[in-house]
Amino acid sequence: MKSLLACAMAIAAFTVAAQAAFGEERVLPVPSVTIYPGDLIGESMLKDRTFPANYRYRTAVVESPRVLVGKSARRTLLPGEPIPMNAVDDPKLVTRGEQTAILFEEGGLSIVGVGIPMQSGAMGQTVQVKNVDSGRVITGRVQADGRIRIGIQ
C-alpha cells in the first residue's frame, strides 16, 4: 500500500513538473491592492500571478496588463483574483448632469457653447447633450479633451 501511495505521489510531482516545463500554466495580471469602482487602474496596482492550466474562470478574464492600464474599474477588484473583462471600462470624460463645452466646427467657423450631457460618456462615444442657451437636445461625440463635438463628425 505504501509503495502505491509513493508511486501516486511521484506521478503527481512529475505531472506538476511537466506542466511547468511545457508552459501549460497561465500568467494573468491581477490587482496587487483592492481597486474600487471608478478608480483608474495604473501599472503599480497590478502584478502577475500564475494559474494552473486546468483552472476554470467564471467569465472571460483580461490576459494582458496593457489592456488594463488607464481603464476604470466598474466594480471592486480584489487582490490576487483574475480580472473579468466586463469589470473594466474606458474612463468617462463627460459626466451626466455636469456642464461641459460643446464644439461646432465647419470650414473656418468654430462655435463653442455650454451643454449638459444627458449621459456619461468615454472618448469617441456618442451622447445627447442639452444646449444651455437654447434648451435643445443635440447629439455629439465625446472628444479626448472632454468637450463634445457636434455637427458633421
N, C-alpha and C. Protein backbone atom coordinates (compact mmCIF):
# COMPACT_ATOMS: atom_id res chain seq x y z
N MET A 1 0.82 -1.19 0.00
CA MET A 1 0.00 0.00 0.00
C MET A 1 0.87 1.26 0.00
N LYS A 2 1.99 1.21 0.82
CA LYS A 2 2.87 2.36 0.88
C LYS A 2 3.54 2.62 -0.46
N SER A 3 3.89 1.55 -1.18
CA SER A 3 4.55 1.74 -2.47
C SER A 3 3.58 2.32 -3.49
N LEU A 4 2.30 1.96 -3.39
CA LEU A 4 1.28 2.52 -4.29
C LEU A 4 1.12 4.01 -4.04
N LEU A 5 1.09 4.41 -2.77
CA LEU A 5 0.98 5.81 -2.40
C LEU A 5 2.22 6.58 -2.87
N ALA A 6 3.38 6.03 -2.68
CA ALA A 6 4.63 6.66 -3.12
C ALA A 6 4.64 6.83 -4.63
N CYS A 7 4.15 5.82 -5.34
CA CYS A 7 4.09 5.87 -6.79
C CYS A 7 3.13 6.97 -7.25
N ALA A 8 1.97 7.07 -6.59
CA ALA A 8 0.98 8.10 -6.94
C ALA A 8 1.55 9.50 -6.69
N MET A 9 2.28 9.66 -5.58
CA MET A 9 2.87 10.96 -5.28
C MET A 9 3.94 11.32 -6.30
N ALA A 10 4.71 10.33 -6.74
CA ALA A 10 5.75 10.58 -7.74
C ALA A 10 5.12 11.00 -9.07
N ILE A 11 4.02 10.34 -9.44
CA ILE A 11 3.33 10.68 -10.69
C ILE A 11 2.77 12.10 -10.61
N ALA A 12 2.19 12.46 -9.47
CA ALA A 12 1.64 13.81 -9.29
C ALA A 12 2.74 14.85 -9.38
N ALA A 13 3.89 14.58 -8.75
CA ALA A 13 5.01 15.52 -8.79
C ALA A 13 5.53 15.66 -10.22
N PHE A 14 5.62 14.53 -10.95
CA PHE A 14 6.07 14.57 -12.35
C PHE A 14 5.10 15.37 -13.20
N THR A 15 3.80 15.21 -12.98
CA THR A 15 2.79 15.94 -13.76
C THR A 15 2.92 17.44 -13.54
N VAL A 16 3.09 17.86 -12.29
CA VAL A 16 3.25 19.28 -11.99
C VAL A 16 4.53 19.81 -12.64
N ALA A 17 5.62 19.04 -12.55
CA ALA A 17 6.88 19.46 -13.15
C ALA A 17 6.76 19.53 -14.68
N ALA A 18 6.04 18.59 -15.28
CA ALA A 18 5.86 18.58 -16.73
C ALA A 18 5.03 19.78 -17.18
N GLN A 19 3.99 20.11 -16.42
CA GLN A 19 3.17 21.27 -16.77
C GLN A 19 4.01 22.53 -16.73
N ALA A 20 4.86 22.68 -15.72
CA ALA A 20 5.70 23.86 -15.61
C ALA A 20 6.72 23.90 -16.74
N ALA A 21 7.28 22.72 -17.10
CA ALA A 21 8.29 22.66 -18.14
C ALA A 21 7.72 22.97 -19.52
N PHE A 22 6.50 22.58 -19.78
CA PHE A 22 5.90 22.78 -21.10
C PHE A 22 5.02 24.01 -21.16
N GLY A 23 5.06 24.87 -20.14
CA GLY A 23 4.36 26.14 -20.18
C GLY A 23 2.86 26.03 -20.20
N GLU A 24 2.31 25.05 -19.53
CA GLU A 24 0.86 24.89 -19.53
C GLU A 24 0.20 25.77 -18.48
N GLU A 25 0.97 26.55 -17.78
CA GLU A 25 0.41 27.47 -16.81
C GLU A 25 0.08 28.78 -17.51
N ARG A 26 -0.86 29.53 -16.94
CA ARG A 26 -1.22 30.83 -17.49
C ARG A 26 -0.81 31.91 -16.51
N VAL A 27 -0.19 32.95 -17.03
CA VAL A 27 0.18 34.10 -16.21
C VAL A 27 -0.79 35.22 -16.55
N LEU A 28 -1.51 35.69 -15.53
CA LEU A 28 -2.53 36.72 -15.73
C LEU A 28 -2.24 37.91 -14.82
N PRO A 29 -2.61 39.12 -15.27
CA PRO A 29 -2.49 40.27 -14.38
C PRO A 29 -3.60 40.23 -13.34
N VAL A 30 -3.26 40.51 -12.11
CA VAL A 30 -4.24 40.58 -11.01
C VAL A 30 -3.95 41.83 -10.20
N PRO A 31 -4.94 42.36 -9.49
CA PRO A 31 -4.68 43.52 -8.64
C PRO A 31 -3.72 43.17 -7.50
N SER A 32 -2.84 44.10 -7.18
CA SER A 32 -1.97 43.91 -6.01
C SER A 32 -2.59 44.59 -4.79
N VAL A 33 -3.58 45.44 -5.03
CA VAL A 33 -4.33 46.13 -3.97
C VAL A 33 -5.81 46.08 -4.35
N THR A 34 -6.67 46.40 -3.41
CA THR A 34 -8.10 46.47 -3.72
C THR A 34 -8.35 47.69 -4.61
N ILE A 35 -9.04 47.48 -5.73
CA ILE A 35 -9.37 48.56 -6.65
C ILE A 35 -10.88 48.76 -6.58
N TYR A 36 -11.29 49.98 -6.28
CA TYR A 36 -12.70 50.28 -6.08
C TYR A 36 -13.35 50.82 -7.35
N PRO A 37 -14.69 50.71 -7.46
CA PRO A 37 -15.39 51.23 -8.65
C PRO A 37 -15.05 52.70 -8.90
N GLY A 38 -14.73 53.01 -10.14
CA GLY A 38 -14.38 54.38 -10.52
C GLY A 38 -12.90 54.67 -10.47
N ASP A 39 -12.11 53.82 -9.80
CA ASP A 39 -10.66 54.03 -9.74
C ASP A 39 -10.04 53.79 -11.11
N LEU A 40 -9.07 54.65 -11.48
CA LEU A 40 -8.30 54.43 -12.70
C LEU A 40 -7.20 53.43 -12.38
N ILE A 41 -7.03 52.45 -13.24
CA ILE A 41 -6.06 51.39 -12.99
C ILE A 41 -4.70 51.80 -13.53
N GLY A 42 -3.69 51.75 -12.65
CA GLY A 42 -2.32 52.06 -13.02
C GLY A 42 -1.46 50.81 -12.98
N GLU A 43 -0.30 50.89 -13.60
CA GLU A 43 0.60 49.75 -13.64
C GLU A 43 1.01 49.28 -12.25
N SER A 44 1.17 50.23 -11.32
CA SER A 44 1.61 49.89 -9.97
C SER A 44 0.54 49.13 -9.19
N MET A 45 -0.68 49.11 -9.67
CA MET A 45 -1.78 48.43 -8.99
C MET A 45 -1.91 46.97 -9.42
N LEU A 46 -1.05 46.54 -10.36
CA LEU A 46 -1.15 45.19 -10.92
C LEU A 46 0.12 44.39 -10.67
N LYS A 47 -0.05 43.07 -10.64
CA LYS A 47 1.09 42.16 -10.58
C LYS A 47 0.70 40.91 -11.38
N ASP A 48 1.67 40.11 -11.75
CA ASP A 48 1.41 38.86 -12.46
C ASP A 48 1.22 37.73 -11.47
N ARG A 49 0.31 36.83 -11.81
CA ARG A 49 0.08 35.65 -10.97
C ARG A 49 -0.06 34.45 -11.91
N THR A 50 0.52 33.34 -11.51
CA THR A 50 0.47 32.12 -12.31
C THR A 50 -0.72 31.28 -11.87
N PHE A 51 -1.48 30.80 -12.86
CA PHE A 51 -2.63 29.92 -12.62
C PHE A 51 -2.40 28.61 -13.36
N PRO A 52 -2.83 27.49 -12.78
CA PRO A 52 -2.68 26.20 -13.47
C PRO A 52 -3.51 26.17 -14.76
N ALA A 53 -3.08 25.34 -15.68
CA ALA A 53 -3.77 25.25 -16.97
C ALA A 53 -5.22 24.80 -16.82
N ASN A 54 -5.50 24.00 -15.82
CA ASN A 54 -6.86 23.48 -15.66
C ASN A 54 -7.75 24.38 -14.80
N TYR A 55 -7.26 25.56 -14.40
CA TYR A 55 -8.06 26.49 -13.59
C TYR A 55 -9.19 27.04 -14.44
N ARG A 56 -10.40 26.98 -13.94
CA ARG A 56 -11.58 27.43 -14.68
C ARG A 56 -12.05 28.77 -14.14
N TYR A 57 -12.24 29.71 -15.05
CA TYR A 57 -12.71 31.04 -14.69
C TYR A 57 -14.23 31.08 -14.90
N ARG A 58 -14.90 31.91 -14.09
CA ARG A 58 -16.36 32.03 -14.22
C ARG A 58 -16.74 32.84 -15.45
N THR A 59 -15.92 33.80 -15.83
CA THR A 59 -16.17 34.63 -17.01
C THR A 59 -14.86 34.81 -17.76
N ALA A 60 -14.92 35.47 -18.91
CA ALA A 60 -13.71 35.78 -19.66
C ALA A 60 -12.88 36.77 -18.85
N VAL A 61 -11.57 36.54 -18.79
CA VAL A 61 -10.70 37.38 -17.98
C VAL A 61 -9.68 38.10 -18.87
N VAL A 62 -9.19 39.22 -18.37
CA VAL A 62 -8.17 40.00 -19.08
C VAL A 62 -6.85 39.28 -18.97
N GLU A 63 -6.15 39.14 -20.10
CA GLU A 63 -4.91 38.37 -20.11
C GLU A 63 -3.66 39.22 -20.25
N SER A 64 -3.83 40.53 -20.46
CA SER A 64 -2.66 41.39 -20.63
C SER A 64 -2.79 42.65 -19.78
N PRO A 65 -1.73 43.03 -19.08
CA PRO A 65 -1.82 44.25 -18.28
C PRO A 65 -1.96 45.50 -19.14
N ARG A 66 -1.49 45.44 -20.41
CA ARG A 66 -1.62 46.59 -21.31
C ARG A 66 -3.08 46.97 -21.53
N VAL A 67 -3.97 45.99 -21.50
CA VAL A 67 -5.39 46.24 -21.69
C VAL A 67 -5.98 46.99 -20.51
N LEU A 68 -5.41 46.80 -19.33
CA LEU A 68 -5.98 47.35 -18.09
C LEU A 68 -5.52 48.76 -17.74
N VAL A 69 -4.28 49.09 -18.05
CA VAL A 69 -3.72 50.38 -17.64
C VAL A 69 -4.50 51.52 -18.30
N GLY A 70 -4.98 52.44 -17.46
CA GLY A 70 -5.76 53.58 -17.95
C GLY A 70 -7.25 53.35 -17.98
N LYS A 71 -7.69 52.12 -17.71
CA LYS A 71 -9.12 51.81 -17.66
C LYS A 71 -9.68 52.16 -16.29
N SER A 72 -10.98 52.17 -16.20
CA SER A 72 -11.68 52.47 -14.96
C SER A 72 -12.37 51.20 -14.46
N ALA A 73 -12.30 50.95 -13.17
CA ALA A 73 -12.95 49.77 -12.60
C ALA A 73 -14.46 50.01 -12.52
N ARG A 74 -15.24 49.03 -12.95
CA ARG A 74 -16.70 49.13 -12.87
C ARG A 74 -17.22 48.56 -11.55
N ARG A 75 -16.40 47.71 -10.92
CA ARG A 75 -16.77 47.11 -9.64
C ARG A 75 -15.50 46.88 -8.84
N THR A 76 -15.65 46.46 -7.60
CA THR A 76 -14.49 46.23 -6.74
C THR A 76 -13.69 45.03 -7.26
N LEU A 77 -12.39 45.24 -7.40
CA LEU A 77 -11.48 44.18 -7.85
C LEU A 77 -10.57 43.81 -6.68
N LEU A 78 -10.59 42.54 -6.31
CA LEU A 78 -9.85 42.07 -5.14
C LEU A 78 -8.44 41.63 -5.48
N PRO A 79 -7.49 41.84 -4.56
CA PRO A 79 -6.10 41.45 -4.81
C PRO A 79 -5.97 39.95 -5.08
N GLY A 80 -5.15 39.62 -6.08
CA GLY A 80 -4.86 38.23 -6.38
C GLY A 80 -5.89 37.51 -7.23
N GLU A 81 -7.02 38.14 -7.52
CA GLU A 81 -8.08 37.50 -8.30
C GLU A 81 -8.00 37.92 -9.77
N PRO A 82 -8.26 37.01 -10.72
CA PRO A 82 -8.29 37.39 -12.13
C PRO A 82 -9.34 38.49 -12.37
N ILE A 83 -9.10 39.34 -13.34
CA ILE A 83 -9.98 40.48 -13.60
C ILE A 83 -10.90 40.15 -14.78
N PRO A 84 -12.22 40.05 -14.54
CA PRO A 84 -13.15 39.80 -15.65
C PRO A 84 -13.13 40.95 -16.66
N MET A 85 -13.31 40.64 -17.92
CA MET A 85 -13.29 41.65 -18.97
C MET A 85 -14.40 42.68 -18.77
N ASN A 86 -15.54 42.25 -18.23
CA ASN A 86 -16.65 43.18 -18.06
C ASN A 86 -16.55 43.99 -16.78
N ALA A 87 -15.44 43.87 -16.03
CA ALA A 87 -15.26 44.61 -14.79
C ALA A 87 -14.49 45.91 -14.99
N VAL A 88 -14.04 46.17 -16.22
CA VAL A 88 -13.32 47.41 -16.52
C VAL A 88 -13.96 48.09 -17.72
N ASP A 89 -13.76 49.40 -17.79
CA ASP A 89 -14.36 50.19 -18.86
C ASP A 89 -13.45 51.38 -19.14
N ASP A 90 -13.66 52.01 -20.29
CA ASP A 90 -12.93 53.24 -20.58
C ASP A 90 -13.37 54.31 -19.58
N PRO A 91 -12.44 55.18 -19.16
CA PRO A 91 -12.83 56.22 -18.21
C PRO A 91 -13.80 57.21 -18.86
N LYS A 92 -14.76 57.67 -18.08
CA LYS A 92 -15.75 58.63 -18.56
C LYS A 92 -15.14 60.02 -18.56
N LEU A 93 -15.19 60.69 -19.73
CA LEU A 93 -14.64 62.03 -19.85
C LEU A 93 -15.70 63.10 -19.60
N VAL A 94 -16.96 62.75 -19.84
CA VAL A 94 -18.06 63.66 -19.52
C VAL A 94 -19.01 62.92 -18.59
N THR A 95 -19.57 63.67 -17.66
CA THR A 95 -20.45 63.09 -16.66
C THR A 95 -21.85 63.66 -16.81
N ARG A 96 -22.82 62.80 -16.71
CA ARG A 96 -24.22 63.21 -16.83
C ARG A 96 -24.52 64.33 -15.83
N GLY A 97 -25.13 65.40 -16.35
CA GLY A 97 -25.55 66.50 -15.50
C GLY A 97 -24.51 67.55 -15.19
N GLU A 98 -23.24 67.32 -15.54
CA GLU A 98 -22.17 68.30 -15.29
C GLU A 98 -21.88 69.08 -16.57
N GLN A 99 -21.89 70.40 -16.46
CA GLN A 99 -21.67 71.24 -17.63
C GLN A 99 -20.35 70.93 -18.31
N THR A 100 -20.39 70.98 -19.63
CA THR A 100 -19.19 70.75 -20.42
C THR A 100 -19.27 71.62 -21.67
N ALA A 101 -18.14 71.80 -22.32
CA ALA A 101 -18.10 72.60 -23.55
C ALA A 101 -18.61 71.77 -24.71
N ILE A 102 -19.42 72.42 -25.57
CA ILE A 102 -19.84 71.78 -26.81
C ILE A 102 -19.20 72.58 -27.94
N LEU A 103 -18.77 71.89 -28.97
CA LEU A 103 -17.98 72.49 -30.02
C LEU A 103 -18.59 72.16 -31.38
N PHE A 104 -18.75 73.21 -32.20
CA PHE A 104 -19.18 73.02 -33.59
C PHE A 104 -18.10 73.63 -34.46
N GLU A 105 -17.56 72.83 -35.38
CA GLU A 105 -16.55 73.32 -36.33
C GLU A 105 -16.92 72.87 -37.73
N GLU A 106 -16.87 73.83 -38.65
CA GLU A 106 -17.09 73.50 -40.05
C GLU A 106 -16.37 74.55 -40.87
N GLY A 107 -15.51 74.10 -41.76
CA GLY A 107 -14.70 75.03 -42.53
C GLY A 107 -13.84 75.85 -41.59
N GLY A 108 -13.92 77.17 -41.67
CA GLY A 108 -13.16 78.04 -40.78
C GLY A 108 -13.98 78.52 -39.59
N LEU A 109 -15.26 78.10 -39.52
CA LEU A 109 -16.15 78.53 -38.44
C LEU A 109 -16.03 77.60 -37.24
N SER A 110 -15.88 78.22 -36.07
CA SER A 110 -15.80 77.44 -34.84
C SER A 110 -16.69 78.10 -33.79
N ILE A 111 -17.64 77.36 -33.25
CA ILE A 111 -18.55 77.88 -32.24
C ILE A 111 -18.42 76.99 -31.00
N VAL A 112 -18.22 77.62 -29.85
CA VAL A 112 -18.12 76.91 -28.59
C VAL A 112 -19.26 77.37 -27.69
N GLY A 113 -19.94 76.43 -27.08
CA GLY A 113 -21.03 76.75 -26.17
C GLY A 113 -20.95 75.87 -24.94
N VAL A 114 -21.98 75.94 -24.13
CA VAL A 114 -22.03 75.15 -22.92
C VAL A 114 -23.23 74.22 -23.00
N GLY A 115 -23.01 72.97 -22.60
CA GLY A 115 -24.09 71.99 -22.62
C GLY A 115 -24.06 71.11 -21.39
N ILE A 116 -25.18 70.43 -21.17
CA ILE A 116 -25.28 69.48 -20.06
C ILE A 116 -25.53 68.10 -20.66
N PRO A 117 -24.56 67.19 -20.53
CA PRO A 117 -24.74 65.84 -21.08
C PRO A 117 -25.91 65.11 -20.41
N MET A 118 -26.66 64.39 -21.22
CA MET A 118 -27.79 63.61 -20.72
C MET A 118 -27.34 62.24 -20.21
N GLN A 119 -26.08 61.83 -20.56
CA GLN A 119 -25.49 60.60 -20.06
C GLN A 119 -23.98 60.75 -20.03
N SER A 120 -23.33 59.97 -19.23
CA SER A 120 -21.88 59.99 -19.15
C SER A 120 -21.31 59.31 -20.40
N GLY A 121 -20.10 59.69 -20.78
CA GLY A 121 -19.52 59.09 -21.97
C GLY A 121 -18.01 59.09 -21.96
N ALA A 122 -17.45 58.08 -22.61
CA ALA A 122 -16.00 57.95 -22.78
C ALA A 122 -15.62 58.50 -24.15
N MET A 123 -14.33 58.62 -24.38
CA MET A 123 -13.85 59.16 -25.64
C MET A 123 -14.42 58.39 -26.84
N GLY A 124 -14.95 59.14 -27.81
CA GLY A 124 -15.47 58.53 -29.02
C GLY A 124 -16.93 58.12 -28.95
N GLN A 125 -17.52 58.11 -27.76
CA GLN A 125 -18.92 57.72 -27.64
C GLN A 125 -19.83 58.87 -28.07
N THR A 126 -20.96 58.50 -28.62
CA THR A 126 -21.98 59.48 -28.99
C THR A 126 -22.92 59.65 -27.81
N VAL A 127 -23.13 60.91 -27.42
CA VAL A 127 -24.01 61.21 -26.29
C VAL A 127 -24.97 62.33 -26.67
N GLN A 128 -26.09 62.40 -25.96
CA GLN A 128 -27.01 63.50 -26.12
C GLN A 128 -26.64 64.57 -25.12
N VAL A 129 -26.71 65.82 -25.54
CA VAL A 129 -26.34 66.95 -24.68
C VAL A 129 -27.37 68.06 -24.88
N LYS A 130 -27.76 68.69 -23.77
CA LYS A 130 -28.73 69.77 -23.81
C LYS A 130 -27.98 71.10 -23.86
N ASN A 131 -28.24 71.89 -24.91
CA ASN A 131 -27.63 73.20 -25.05
C ASN A 131 -28.22 74.11 -23.98
N VAL A 132 -27.37 74.70 -23.13
CA VAL A 132 -27.82 75.53 -22.02
C VAL A 132 -28.54 76.79 -22.54
N ASP A 133 -28.04 77.37 -23.63
CA ASP A 133 -28.61 78.61 -24.16
C ASP A 133 -29.97 78.41 -24.81
N SER A 134 -30.10 77.37 -25.65
CA SER A 134 -31.35 77.18 -26.41
C SER A 134 -32.30 76.18 -25.76
N GLY A 135 -31.78 75.31 -24.90
CA GLY A 135 -32.61 74.27 -24.29
C GLY A 135 -32.83 73.06 -25.19
N ARG A 136 -32.27 73.09 -26.40
CA ARG A 136 -32.44 71.97 -27.34
C ARG A 136 -31.49 70.83 -27.00
N VAL A 137 -31.96 69.60 -27.23
CA VAL A 137 -31.13 68.41 -27.03
C VAL A 137 -30.52 68.05 -28.38
N ILE A 138 -29.20 67.95 -28.41
CA ILE A 138 -28.47 67.63 -29.63
C ILE A 138 -27.56 66.44 -29.35
N THR A 139 -27.05 65.86 -30.43
CA THR A 139 -26.18 64.69 -30.32
C THR A 139 -24.77 65.07 -30.71
N GLY A 140 -23.79 64.58 -29.95
CA GLY A 140 -22.40 64.86 -30.26
C GLY A 140 -21.51 63.71 -29.84
N ARG A 141 -20.24 63.83 -30.22
CA ARG A 141 -19.26 62.79 -29.92
C ARG A 141 -18.25 63.34 -28.92
N VAL A 142 -17.94 62.55 -27.88
CA VAL A 142 -17.00 62.96 -26.84
C VAL A 142 -15.59 62.96 -27.41
N GLN A 143 -14.88 64.07 -27.18
CA GLN A 143 -13.50 64.24 -27.64
C GLN A 143 -12.53 63.91 -26.51
N ALA A 144 -11.26 63.74 -26.85
CA ALA A 144 -10.24 63.37 -25.86
C ALA A 144 -10.06 64.42 -24.78
N ASP A 145 -10.36 65.68 -25.10
CA ASP A 145 -10.19 66.76 -24.11
C ASP A 145 -11.43 66.97 -23.24
N GLY A 146 -12.45 66.15 -23.41
CA GLY A 146 -13.66 66.24 -22.59
C GLY A 146 -14.75 67.12 -23.17
N ARG A 147 -14.49 67.73 -24.33
CA ARG A 147 -15.54 68.51 -24.99
C ARG A 147 -16.41 67.59 -25.84
N ILE A 148 -17.58 68.06 -26.20
CA ILE A 148 -18.48 67.30 -27.06
C ILE A 148 -18.57 68.01 -28.40
N ARG A 149 -18.20 67.31 -29.45
CA ARG A 149 -18.20 67.88 -30.79
C ARG A 149 -19.53 67.55 -31.46
N ILE A 150 -20.19 68.57 -31.97
CA ILE A 150 -21.47 68.38 -32.64
C ILE A 150 -21.33 68.74 -34.11
N GLY A 151 -22.34 68.43 -34.88
CA GLY A 151 -22.32 68.73 -36.31
C GLY A 151 -21.76 67.56 -37.09
N ILE A 152 -21.17 67.85 -38.23
CA ILE A 152 -20.61 66.82 -39.10
C ILE A 152 -19.42 66.19 -38.40
N GLN A 153 -19.47 64.87 -38.24
CA GLN A 153 -18.44 64.16 -37.47
C GLN A 153 -17.44 63.53 -38.40
